[in-house]
Amino acid sequence: METVNQLASKGSFRAVKEPLAFLRVLEWLFAIFAFATCGGYSGGLRLRVDCINKSDSDLSIDIAFAYPFRLYQVNFDAPTCEGKRREKLSLIGDFSSSAEFFVTIAVFAFLYSLAATVVYIFFQNKYRENNRGPLIDFIVTVVFSFMWLVGSSAWAKGLSDVKVATDPDEVLLLMSACKQQSNKCMPVRSPVMSSLNTSVVFGFLNFILWAGNIWFVFKETGWHSSGTRYPQETMEKQSSSYNQGGYNQDSYGPSGGYNQQGGSFGQVGELGQQQSFSPSGPTSFANQI
C-alpha cells in the first residue's frame, strides 16, 4: 500500500488531461472492447429436417461455433431420411487468420497503450529528457495505426465470409436430405453476429484514434521542435540586421540632407552647388567652385 501511495504522490495525473495521454487512455479502452467482442464470441444456429417418414426426422440440429472460426472443424450430424442412417457433415471455411490477426493487434495495442500511459504519468520527465522516447513513441504509433487499418479491413472481410458460411440456408444445402423436394428443411435459429459487428466498428475507431494521435506524438519529437525553431531564428536575424541598417525615422542619412526635426531641406548639385531652403522660402544661395 505504501508503494502505491508513493507512486501516486510522484505521478503527474494532470498529464491525462492533455490530448496525448487522454487519447492513450481511449486507445486502451477501445482495444479492450475490440478483442473482447471478437475473441470472446461464441454462437450457433439450429436447423430442422422433416422427412417423409416422421421417425427419421430431426427437428433440432444444433451447430455451435466460436472464435477463431475454424469452421471446417465444426462437425454435426444430420439425418439422411433413409432409415436411421445419419451423415456426418462439417461447415466450410477457415477464417482464423484474419480473426487472430485482429485480436493480436488489439492485445498488443492494449499493452502498449497501458505502458505509454504509465510513462506519461509517472516518468514524464524522463520521457521528455531526450528525443529517443518521443521518437520511439512516434514510430510505434504510426505502425499501430497502419496495423489497425489492415487488421480491421481484413477482419471485416473475414466476418462477411463467416456470415455466408454460417447462413442456415447455405448449411442446409450441405445435407443430402434437403436436396430431395419431398423432405422439408428449414432454419429454426440463425446465429447472432451483433458482437462481431461491434468488434469491426471498434477496430476502425481504434484506427482513427491512433491516426489522430500521430500529430500529438509528433509534437513531442525533435523534428517538430527543430522545424519551429528555425523560422524564429530567421526572424530574429532579419530584425537584428534591420536595426543595424542605420534607418532612423528622425533622419534619412547624412547624404540625403533630409531632417524632419530641423525643418530644412538641403540639396547638393553636380557642380558643387549647395542650396538650402527653409520652410518660409530660400534664405541663402552660395556658389562654390
C-alpha atoms as a PDB file:
ATOM      1  CA  MET A   1       0.000   0.000   0.000  1.00  0.00           C
ATOM      2  CA  GLU A   2       2.860   2.362   0.774  1.00  0.00           C
ATOM      3  CA  THR A   3       4.380   1.681  -2.641  1.00  0.00           C
ATOM      4  CA  VAL A   4       1.114   2.610  -4.299  1.00  0.00           C
ATOM      5  CA  ASN A   5       0.929   5.828  -2.286  1.00  0.00           C
ATOM      6  CA  GLN A   6       4.494   6.741  -3.227  1.00  0.00           C
ATOM      7  CA  LEU A   7       3.783   6.180  -6.903  1.00  0.00           C
ATOM      8  CA  ALA A   8       0.608   8.213  -6.644  1.00  0.00           C
ATOM      9  CA  SER A   9       2.478  11.071  -4.987  1.00  0.00           C
ATOM     10  CA  LYS A  10       5.159  11.057  -7.681  1.00  0.00           C
ATOM     11  CA  GLY A  11       2.738  10.731 -10.577  1.00  0.00           C
ATOM     12  CA  SER A  12       1.553  13.722 -12.560  1.00  0.00           C
ATOM     13  CA  PHE A  13      -2.064  12.836 -13.258  1.00  0.00           C
ATOM     14  CA  ARG A  14      -2.537  16.187 -14.943  1.00  0.00           C
ATOM     15  CA  ALA A  15      -0.943  14.590 -17.993  1.00  0.00           C
ATOM     16  CA  VAL A  16      -4.162  12.629 -18.537  1.00  0.00           C
ATOM     17  CA  LYS A  17      -5.894  15.926 -19.320  1.00  0.00           C
ATOM     18  CA  GLU A  18      -3.513  16.522 -22.219  1.00  0.00           C
ATOM     19  CA  PRO A  19      -4.514  15.135 -25.641  1.00  0.00           C
ATOM     20  CA  LEU A  20      -1.501  12.808 -25.841  1.00  0.00           C
ATOM     21  CA  ALA A  21      -2.265  10.868 -22.656  1.00  0.00           C
ATOM     22  CA  PHE A  22      -6.042  11.221 -22.953  1.00  0.00           C
ATOM     23  CA  LEU A  23      -6.030   9.539 -26.366  1.00  0.00           C
ATOM     24  CA  ARG A  24      -3.821   6.777 -24.984  1.00  0.00           C
ATOM     25  CA  VAL A  25      -6.453   6.052 -22.333  1.00  0.00           C
ATOM     26  CA  LEU A  26      -9.146   5.895 -25.018  1.00  0.00           C
ATOM     27  CA  GLU A  27      -6.955   3.591 -27.101  1.00  0.00           C
ATOM     28  CA  TRP A  28      -6.530   1.339 -24.079  1.00  0.00           C
ATOM     29  CA  LEU A  29     -10.287   1.111 -23.528  1.00  0.00           C
ATOM     30  CA  PHE A  30     -11.193   0.649 -27.181  1.00  0.00           C
ATOM     31  CA  ALA A  31      -8.578  -2.088 -27.560  1.00  0.00           C
ATOM     32  CA  ILE A  32     -10.262  -3.992 -24.722  1.00  0.00           C
ATOM     33  CA  PHE A  33     -13.621  -3.739 -26.453  1.00  0.00           C
ATOM     34  CA  ALA A  34     -12.111  -4.813 -29.768  1.00  0.00           C
ATOM     35  CA  PHE A  35     -10.504  -8.075 -28.651  1.00  0.00           C
ATOM     36  CA  ALA A  36     -13.257  -8.878 -26.118  1.00  0.00           C
ATOM     37  CA  THR A  37     -16.081  -8.656 -28.666  1.00  0.00           C
ATOM     38  CA  CYS A  38     -14.161 -10.724 -31.209  1.00  0.00           C
ATOM     39  CA  GLY A  39     -12.103 -13.144 -29.126  1.00  0.00           C
ATOM     40  CA  GLY A  40     -14.901 -13.951 -26.724  1.00  0.00           C
ATOM     41  CA  TYR A  41     -17.522 -14.740 -29.334  1.00  0.00           C
ATOM     42  CA  SER A  42     -19.457 -18.000 -29.438  1.00  0.00           C
ATOM     43  CA  GLY A  43     -22.617 -18.568 -31.417  1.00  0.00           C
ATOM     44  CA  GLY A  44     -24.674 -21.168 -33.122  1.00  0.00           C
ATOM     45  CA  LEU A  45     -27.593 -21.985 -35.348  1.00  0.00           C
ATOM     46  CA  ARG A  46     -30.391 -24.521 -35.299  1.00  0.00           C
ATOM     47  CA  LEU A  47     -31.838 -26.393 -38.279  1.00  0.00           C
ATOM     48  CA  ARG A  48     -34.817 -28.637 -38.815  1.00  0.00           C
ATOM     49  CA  VAL A  49     -35.179 -31.566 -41.214  1.00  0.00           C
ATOM     50  CA  ASP A  50     -38.664 -33.006 -41.624  1.00  0.00           C
ATOM     51  CA  CYS A  51     -38.572 -36.297 -43.538  1.00  0.00           C
ATOM     52  CA  ILE A  52     -41.484 -38.075 -45.175  1.00  0.00           C
ATOM     53  CA  ASN A  53     -41.024 -40.817 -42.648  1.00  0.00           C
ATOM     54  CA  LYS A  54     -41.513 -38.867 -39.435  1.00  0.00           C
ATOM     55  CA  SER A  55     -39.449 -41.306 -37.458  1.00  0.00           C
ATOM     56  CA  ASP A  56     -36.379 -40.331 -39.474  1.00  0.00           C
ATOM     57  CA  SER A  57     -36.859 -36.592 -38.939  1.00  0.00           C
ATOM     58  CA  ASP A  58     -34.659 -34.415 -36.761  1.00  0.00           C
ATOM     59  CA  LEU A  59     -36.378 -31.225 -35.677  1.00  0.00           C
ATOM     60  CA  SER A  60     -33.462 -29.754 -33.738  1.00  0.00           C
ATOM     61  CA  ILE A  61     -29.972 -29.847 -35.264  1.00  0.00           C
ATOM     62  CA  ASP A  62     -27.740 -27.541 -33.238  1.00  0.00           C
ATOM     63  CA  ILE A  63     -24.466 -26.298 -34.728  1.00  0.00           C
ATOM     64  CA  ALA A  64     -22.163 -24.282 -32.451  1.00  0.00           C
ATOM     65  CA  PHE A  65     -19.056 -22.372 -33.498  1.00  0.00           C
ATOM     66  CA  ALA A  66     -16.767 -19.825 -31.865  1.00  0.00           C
ATOM     67  CA  TYR A  67     -13.548 -17.868 -32.195  1.00  0.00           C
ATOM     68  CA  PRO A  68     -11.154 -18.376 -34.023  1.00  0.00           C
ATOM     69  CA  PHE A  69     -13.711 -19.522 -36.647  1.00  0.00           C
ATOM     70  CA  ARG A  70     -12.067 -22.645 -37.981  1.00  0.00           C
ATOM     71  CA  LEU A  71     -15.414 -23.702 -39.351  1.00  0.00           C
ATOM     72  CA  TYR A  72     -14.102 -26.778 -41.125  1.00  0.00           C
ATOM     73  CA  GLN A  73     -13.549 -28.267 -37.663  1.00  0.00           C
ATOM     74  CA  VAL A  74     -17.202 -27.754 -36.672  1.00  0.00           C
ATOM     75  CA  ASN A  75     -18.936 -31.118 -37.162  1.00  0.00           C
ATOM     76  CA  PHE A  76     -22.591 -32.036 -36.841  1.00  0.00           C
ATOM     77  CA  ASP A  77     -24.855 -34.988 -37.618  1.00  0.00           C
ATOM     78  CA  ALA A  78     -27.796 -34.729 -39.991  1.00  0.00           C
ATOM     79  CA  PRO A  79     -30.467 -37.286 -40.995  1.00  0.00           C
ATOM     80  CA  THR A  80     -30.496 -38.703 -44.490  1.00  0.00           C
ATOM     81  CA  CYS A  81     -34.201 -39.571 -44.387  1.00  0.00           C
ATOM     82  CA  GLU A  82     -33.208 -43.087 -45.437  1.00  0.00           C
ATOM     83  CA  GLY A  83     -33.908 -45.116 -42.375  1.00  0.00           C
ATOM     84  CA  LYS A  84     -31.890 -44.474 -39.256  1.00  0.00           C
ATOM     85  CA  ARG A  85     -28.739 -43.702 -41.129  1.00  0.00           C
ATOM     86  CA  ARG A  86     -27.197 -40.315 -40.433  1.00  0.00           C
ATOM     87  CA  GLU A  87     -24.410 -38.440 -42.135  1.00  0.00           C
ATOM     88  CA  LYS A  88     -21.598 -36.501 -40.525  1.00  0.00           C
ATOM     89  CA  LEU A  89     -21.043 -33.059 -42.019  1.00  0.00           C
ATOM     90  CA  SER A  90     -18.935 -30.013 -41.253  1.00  0.00           C
ATOM     91  CA  LEU A  91     -19.093 -26.323 -42.022  1.00  0.00           C
ATOM     92  CA  ILE A  92     -16.947 -24.858 -44.773  1.00  0.00           C
ATOM     93  CA  GLY A  93     -14.155 -22.335 -44.371  1.00  0.00           C
ATOM     94  CA  ASP A  94     -11.247 -21.288 -42.198  1.00  0.00           C
ATOM     95  CA  PHE A  95     -11.280 -17.639 -41.145  1.00  0.00           C
ATOM     96  CA  SER A  96      -8.925 -17.897 -38.221  1.00  0.00           C
ATOM     97  CA  SER A  97      -6.112 -15.915 -39.823  1.00  0.00           C
ATOM     98  CA  SER A  98      -7.975 -12.609 -40.063  1.00  0.00           C
ATOM     99  CA  ALA A  99      -9.672 -13.078 -36.679  1.00  0.00           C
ATOM    100  CA  GLU A 100      -6.468 -13.970 -34.832  1.00  0.00           C
ATOM    101  CA  PHE A 101      -4.561 -11.164 -36.539  1.00  0.00           C
ATOM    102  CA  PHE A 102      -7.206  -8.672 -35.419  1.00  0.00           C
ATOM    103  CA  VAL A 103      -7.189  -9.923 -31.823  1.00  0.00           C
ATOM    104  CA  THR A 104      -3.382  -9.961 -31.712  1.00  0.00           C
ATOM    105  CA  ILE A 105      -3.214  -6.320 -32.784  1.00  0.00           C
ATOM    106  CA  ALA A 106      -5.824  -5.421 -30.163  1.00  0.00           C
ATOM    107  CA  VAL A 107      -3.924  -7.189 -27.373  1.00  0.00           C
ATOM    108  CA  PHE A 108      -0.572  -5.566 -28.226  1.00  0.00           C
ATOM    109  CA  ALA A 109      -2.247  -2.174 -28.638  1.00  0.00           C
ATOM    110  CA  PHE A 110      -3.815  -2.631 -25.212  1.00  0.00           C
ATOM    111  CA  LEU A 111      -0.445  -3.428 -23.639  1.00  0.00           C
ATOM    112  CA  TYR A 112       1.397  -0.576 -25.329  1.00  0.00           C
ATOM    113  CA  SER A 113      -1.315   1.969 -24.507  1.00  0.00           C
ATOM    114  CA  LEU A 114      -1.199   0.916 -20.877  1.00  0.00           C
ATOM    115  CA  ALA A 115       2.600   1.138 -20.746  1.00  0.00           C
ATOM    116  CA  ALA A 116       2.641   4.519 -22.521  1.00  0.00           C
ATOM    117  CA  THR A 117       0.042   5.937 -20.148  1.00  0.00           C
ATOM    118  CA  VAL A 118       2.119   4.850 -17.144  1.00  0.00           C
ATOM    119  CA  VAL A 119       5.186   6.529 -18.665  1.00  0.00           C
ATOM    120  CA  TYR A 120       3.279   9.754 -19.317  1.00  0.00           C
ATOM    121  CA  ILE A 121       2.045   9.892 -15.724  1.00  0.00           C
ATOM    122  CA  PHE A 122       4.990   8.668 -13.655  1.00  0.00           C
ATOM    123  CA  PHE A 123       8.029   9.151 -15.914  1.00  0.00           C
ATOM    124  CA  GLN A 124       7.131  12.250 -17.893  1.00  0.00           C
ATOM    125  CA  ASN A 125      10.442  13.982 -17.171  1.00  0.00           C
ATOM    126  CA  LYS A 126      12.487  11.021 -18.390  1.00  0.00           C
ATOM    127  CA  TYR A 127      10.213  10.699 -21.425  1.00  0.00           C
ATOM    128  CA  ARG A 128      10.962  14.282 -22.472  1.00  0.00           C
ATOM    129  CA  GLU A 129      14.577  14.237 -21.329  1.00  0.00           C
ATOM    130  CA  ASN A 130      15.837  13.466 -24.810  1.00  0.00           C
ATOM    131  CA  ASN A 131      14.403  12.792 -28.230  1.00  0.00           C
ATOM    132  CA  ARG A 132      14.648   8.990 -28.031  1.00  0.00           C
ATOM    133  CA  GLY A 133      11.445   8.412 -26.083  1.00  0.00           C
ATOM    134  CA  PRO A 134       9.158  10.573 -28.249  1.00  0.00           C
ATOM    135  CA  LEU A 135      10.785   9.239 -31.412  1.00  0.00           C
ATOM    136  CA  ILE A 136      10.119   5.606 -30.443  1.00  0.00           C
ATOM    137  CA  ASP A 137       6.596   6.556 -29.409  1.00  0.00           C
ATOM    138  CA  PHE A 138       6.018   8.239 -32.756  1.00  0.00           C
ATOM    139  CA  ILE A 139       7.231   5.253 -34.785  1.00  0.00           C
ATOM    140  CA  VAL A 140       5.164   2.782 -32.756  1.00  0.00           C
ATOM    141  CA  THR A 141       2.069   4.967 -33.121  1.00  0.00           C
ATOM    142  CA  VAL A 142       2.451   5.106 -36.906  1.00  0.00           C
ATOM    143  CA  VAL A 143       2.942   1.327 -37.082  1.00  0.00           C
ATOM    144  CA  PHE A 144      -0.110   0.609 -34.935  1.00  0.00           C
ATOM    145  CA  SER A 145      -2.220   2.991 -36.996  1.00  0.00           C
ATOM    146  CA  PHE A 146      -1.333   1.094 -40.139  1.00  0.00           C
ATOM    147  CA  MET A 147      -1.848  -2.283 -38.458  1.00  0.00           C
ATOM    148  CA  TRP A 148      -5.270  -1.272 -37.167  1.00  0.00           C
ATOM    149  CA  LEU A 149      -6.327  -0.264 -40.661  1.00  0.00           C
ATOM    150  CA  VAL A 150      -5.079  -3.517 -42.200  1.00  0.00           C
ATOM    151  CA  GLY A 151      -6.381  -5.718 -39.387  1.00  0.00           C
ATOM    152  CA  SER A 152      -9.825  -4.114 -39.287  1.00  0.00           C
ATOM    153  CA  SER A 153     -10.211  -4.314 -43.057  1.00  0.00           C
ATOM    154  CA  ALA A 154      -9.122  -7.959 -43.115  1.00  0.00           C
ATOM    155  CA  TRP A 155     -11.432  -8.864 -40.263  1.00  0.00           C
ATOM    156  CA  ALA A 156     -14.357  -7.039 -41.891  1.00  0.00           C
ATOM    157  CA  LYS A 157     -13.851  -9.194 -44.982  1.00  0.00           C
ATOM    158  CA  GLY A 158     -13.437 -12.321 -42.841  1.00  0.00           C
ATOM    159  CA  LEU A 159     -16.616 -11.551 -40.911  1.00  0.00           C
ATOM    160  CA  SER A 160     -18.626 -11.254 -44.110  1.00  0.00           C
ATOM    161  CA  ASP A 161     -17.316 -14.670 -45.134  1.00  0.00           C
ATOM    162  CA  VAL A 162     -18.217 -16.118 -41.732  1.00  0.00           C
ATOM    163  CA  LYS A 163     -21.764 -14.834 -42.126  1.00  0.00           C
ATOM    164  CA  VAL A 164     -22.051 -16.532 -45.503  1.00  0.00           C
ATOM    165  CA  ALA A 165     -20.586 -19.825 -44.251  1.00  0.00           C
ATOM    166  CA  THR A 166     -22.889 -19.928 -41.226  1.00  0.00           C
ATOM    167  CA  ASP A 167     -26.022 -18.840 -43.047  1.00  0.00           C
ATOM    168  CA  PRO A 168     -28.659 -21.509 -42.287  1.00  0.00           C
ATOM    169  CA  ASP A 169     -29.802 -21.597 -45.905  1.00  0.00           C
ATOM    170  CA  GLU A 170     -26.254 -22.299 -47.022  1.00  0.00           C
ATOM    171  CA  VAL A 171     -25.770 -25.000 -44.399  1.00  0.00           C
ATOM    172  CA  LEU A 172     -28.987 -26.744 -45.432  1.00  0.00           C
ATOM    173  CA  LEU A 173     -27.540 -27.162 -48.925  1.00  0.00           C
ATOM    174  CA  LEU A 174     -24.852 -29.396 -47.442  1.00  0.00           C
ATOM    175  CA  MET A 175     -27.412 -32.021 -46.359  1.00  0.00           C
ATOM    176  CA  SER A 176     -28.340 -34.751 -48.790  1.00  0.00           C
ATOM    177  CA  ALA A 177     -31.852 -34.985 -47.325  1.00  0.00           C
ATOM    178  CA  CYS A 178     -32.529 -31.351 -48.189  1.00  0.00           C
ATOM    179  CA  LYS A 179     -31.760 -31.985 -51.862  1.00  0.00           C
ATOM    180  CA  GLN A 180     -34.926 -34.065 -52.122  1.00  0.00           C
ATOM    181  CA  GLN A 181     -38.056 -31.987 -52.596  1.00  0.00           C
ATOM    182  CA  SER A 182     -40.151 -34.472 -50.633  1.00  0.00           C
ATOM    183  CA  ASN A 183     -38.305 -33.552 -47.448  1.00  0.00           C
ATOM    184  CA  LYS A 184     -38.800 -30.224 -45.701  1.00  0.00           C
ATOM    185  CA  CYS A 185     -35.715 -28.423 -44.415  1.00  0.00           C
ATOM    186  CA  MET A 186     -35.887 -25.047 -42.699  1.00  0.00           C
ATOM    187  CA  PRO A 187     -33.846 -22.920 -40.309  1.00  0.00           C
ATOM    188  CA  VAL A 188     -35.034 -22.584 -36.733  1.00  0.00           C
ATOM    189  CA  ARG A 189     -32.499 -20.106 -35.344  1.00  0.00           C
ATOM    190  CA  SER A 190     -29.830 -18.001 -37.058  1.00  0.00           C
ATOM    191  CA  PRO A 191     -26.535 -17.003 -35.398  1.00  0.00           C
ATOM    192  CA  VAL A 192     -26.382 -13.600 -33.704  1.00  0.00           C
ATOM    193  CA  MET A 193     -23.483 -11.548 -35.068  1.00  0.00           C
ATOM    194  CA  SER A 194     -24.034  -8.259 -33.235  1.00  0.00           C
ATOM    195  CA  SER A 195     -20.900  -8.558 -31.099  1.00  0.00           C
ATOM    196  CA  LEU A 196     -18.776  -9.363 -34.138  1.00  0.00           C
ATOM    197  CA  ASN A 197     -20.167  -6.334 -35.940  1.00  0.00           C
ATOM    198  CA  THR A 198     -19.257  -4.280 -32.884  1.00  0.00           C
ATOM    199  CA  SER A 199     -15.695  -5.592 -32.999  1.00  0.00           C
ATOM    200  CA  VAL A 200     -15.281  -4.304 -36.559  1.00  0.00           C
ATOM    201  CA  VAL A 201     -16.602  -0.890 -35.515  1.00  0.00           C
ATOM    202  CA  PHE A 202     -14.165  -0.733 -32.612  1.00  0.00           C
ATOM    203  CA  GLY A 203     -11.380  -1.772 -34.959  1.00  0.00           C
ATOM    204  CA  PHE A 204     -11.893   1.219 -37.214  1.00  0.00           C
ATOM    205  CA  LEU A 205     -12.423   3.505 -34.216  1.00  0.00           C
ATOM    206  CA  ASN A 206      -9.029   2.379 -32.932  1.00  0.00           C
ATOM    207  CA  PHE A 207      -7.523   3.239 -36.278  1.00  0.00           C
ATOM    208  CA  ILE A 208      -8.995   6.750 -36.071  1.00  0.00           C
ATOM    209  CA  LEU A 209      -7.681   7.214 -32.528  1.00  0.00           C
ATOM    210  CA  TRP A 210      -4.166   6.026 -33.340  1.00  0.00           C
ATOM    211  CA  ALA A 211      -4.002   8.016 -36.567  1.00  0.00           C
ATOM    212  CA  GLY A 212      -5.207  11.145 -34.793  1.00  0.00           C
ATOM    213  CA  ASN A 213      -2.657  10.681 -32.034  1.00  0.00           C
ATOM    214  CA  ILE A 214       0.204  10.731 -34.546  1.00  0.00           C
ATOM    215  CA  TRP A 215       0.168  14.535 -34.594  1.00  0.00           C
ATOM    216  CA  PHE A 216       0.322  14.891 -30.804  1.00  0.00           C
ATOM    217  CA  VAL A 217       3.204  12.406 -30.568  1.00  0.00           C
ATOM    218  CA  PHE A 218       4.982  14.168 -33.427  1.00  0.00           C
ATOM    219  CA  LYS A 219       4.841  17.438 -31.475  1.00  0.00           C
ATOM    220  CA  GLU A 220       6.920  15.789 -28.739  1.00  0.00           C
ATOM    221  CA  THR A 221       9.720  14.813 -31.126  1.00  0.00           C
ATOM    222  CA  GLY A 222      12.750  16.903 -32.026  1.00  0.00           C
ATOM    223  CA  TRP A 223      11.581  17.067 -35.636  1.00  0.00           C
ATOM    224  CA  HIS A 224       8.684  19.334 -34.723  1.00  0.00           C
ATOM    225  CA  SER A 225      10.699  21.469 -32.284  1.00  0.00           C
ATOM    226  CA  SER A 226      13.521  21.988 -34.803  1.00  0.00           C
ATOM    227  CA  GLY A 227      11.040  22.864 -37.508  1.00  0.00           C
ATOM    228  CA  THR A 228       9.506  25.576 -35.349  1.00  0.00           C
ATOM    229  CA  ARG A 229      12.828  26.858 -34.035  1.00  0.00           C
ATOM    230  CA  TYR A 230      14.450  27.713 -37.369  1.00  0.00           C
ATOM    231  CA  PRO A 231      11.818  30.212 -38.541  1.00  0.00           C
ATOM    232  CA  GLN A 232      12.116  32.071 -35.217  1.00  0.00           C
ATOM    233  CA  GLU A 233      15.882  32.309 -35.572  1.00  0.00           C
ATOM    234  CA  THR A 234      15.467  33.640 -39.125  1.00  0.00           C
ATOM    235  CA  MET A 235      13.069  36.327 -37.930  1.00  0.00           C
ATOM    236  CA  GLU A 236      15.493  37.317 -35.181  1.00  0.00           C
ATOM    237  CA  LYS A 237      18.354  37.634 -37.680  1.00  0.00           C
ATOM    238  CA  GLN A 238      16.219  39.726 -40.016  1.00  0.00           C
ATOM    239  CA  SER A 239      15.115  42.041 -37.214  1.00  0.00           C
ATOM    240  CA  SER A 240      18.688  42.485 -35.955  1.00  0.00           C
ATOM    241  CA  SER A 241      20.018  43.285 -39.429  1.00  0.00           C
ATOM    242  CA  TYR A 242      17.117  45.675 -39.964  1.00  0.00           C
ATOM    243  CA  ASN A 243      18.005  47.559 -36.787  1.00  0.00           C
ATOM    244  CA  GLN A 244      21.685  47.696 -37.767  1.00  0.00           C
ATOM    245  CA  GLY A 245      20.930  49.096 -41.217  1.00  0.00           C
ATOM    246  CA  GLY A 246      21.046  52.698 -39.964  1.00  0.00           C
ATOM    247  CA  TYR A 247      17.397  53.528 -40.590  1.00  0.00           C
ATOM    248  CA  ASN A 248      16.091  56.222 -38.300  1.00  0.00           C
ATOM    249  CA  GLN A 249      12.724  57.807 -38.513  1.00  0.00           C
ATOM    250  CA  ASP A 250      14.052  61.195 -37.450  1.00  0.00           C
ATOM    251  CA  SER A 251      16.781  61.377 -40.104  1.00  0.00           C
ATOM    252  CA  TYR A 252      17.263  59.868 -43.512  1.00  0.00           C
ATOM    253  CA  GLY A 253      21.026  59.686 -43.514  1.00  0.00           C
ATOM    254  CA  PRO A 254      23.524  62.491 -43.968  1.00  0.00           C
ATOM    255  CA  SER A 255      23.733  62.258 -47.751  1.00  0.00           C
ATOM    256  CA  GLY A 256      20.028  62.773 -48.335  1.00  0.00           C
ATOM    257  CA  GLY A 257      20.015  66.024 -46.482  1.00  0.00           C
ATOM    258  CA  TYR A 258      16.546  65.491 -45.096  1.00  0.00           C
ATOM    259  CA  ASN A 259      15.934  66.197 -41.448  1.00  0.00           C
ATOM    260  CA  GLN A 260      12.424  66.180 -40.102  1.00  0.00           C
ATOM    261  CA  GLN A 261      13.327  67.844 -36.808  1.00  0.00           C
ATOM    262  CA  GLY A 262      15.306  70.691 -38.283  1.00  0.00           C
ATOM    263  CA  GLY A 263      12.628  71.571 -40.805  1.00  0.00           C
ATOM    264  CA  SER A 264      15.229  72.314 -43.569  1.00  0.00           C
ATOM    265  CA  PHE A 265      15.990  70.886 -46.961  1.00  0.00           C
ATOM    266  CA  GLY A 266      19.425  70.675 -48.471  1.00  0.00           C
ATOM    267  CA  GLN A 267      20.448  69.705 -51.996  1.00  0.00           C
ATOM    268  CA  VAL A 268      23.929  69.221 -53.413  1.00  0.00           C
ATOM    269  CA  GLY A 269      24.288  69.823 -57.136  1.00  0.00           C
ATOM    270  CA  GLU A 270      26.633  68.127 -59.529  1.00  0.00           C
ATOM    271  CA  LEU A 271      28.967  71.227 -59.794  1.00  0.00           C
ATOM    272  CA  GLY A 272      29.265  71.555 -56.060  1.00  0.00           C
ATOM    273  CA  GLN A 273      26.413  73.997 -55.695  1.00  0.00           C
ATOM    274  CA  GLN A 274      24.749  73.827 -52.358  1.00  0.00           C
ATOM    275  CA  GLN A 275      21.308  75.255 -51.826  1.00  0.00           C
ATOM    276  CA  SER A 276      19.479  75.455 -48.562  1.00  0.00           C
ATOM    277  CA  PHE A 277      15.898  76.327 -48.032  1.00  0.00           C
ATOM    278  CA  SER A 278      13.764  76.938 -45.035  1.00  0.00           C
ATOM    279  CA  PRO A 279      10.072  76.281 -44.755  1.00  0.00           C
ATOM    280  CA  SER A 280       9.386  80.049 -45.408  1.00  0.00           C
ATOM    281  CA  GLY A 281      11.440  80.201 -48.610  1.00  0.00           C
ATOM    282  CA  PRO A 282      15.096  80.353 -49.793  1.00  0.00           C
ATOM    283  CA  THR A 283      17.318  82.183 -47.323  1.00  0.00           C
ATOM    284  CA  SER A 284      20.787  81.843 -48.855  1.00  0.00           C
ATOM    285  CA  PHE A 285      22.403  80.959 -52.127  1.00  0.00           C
ATOM    286  CA  ALA A 286      26.080  80.091 -52.341  1.00  0.00           C
ATOM    287  CA  ASN A 287      28.263  79.012 -55.260  1.00  0.00           C
ATOM    288  CA  GLN A 288      31.389  77.138 -54.551  1.00  0.00           C
ATOM    289  CA  ILE A 289      33.888  76.368 -57.291  1.00  0.00           C
END
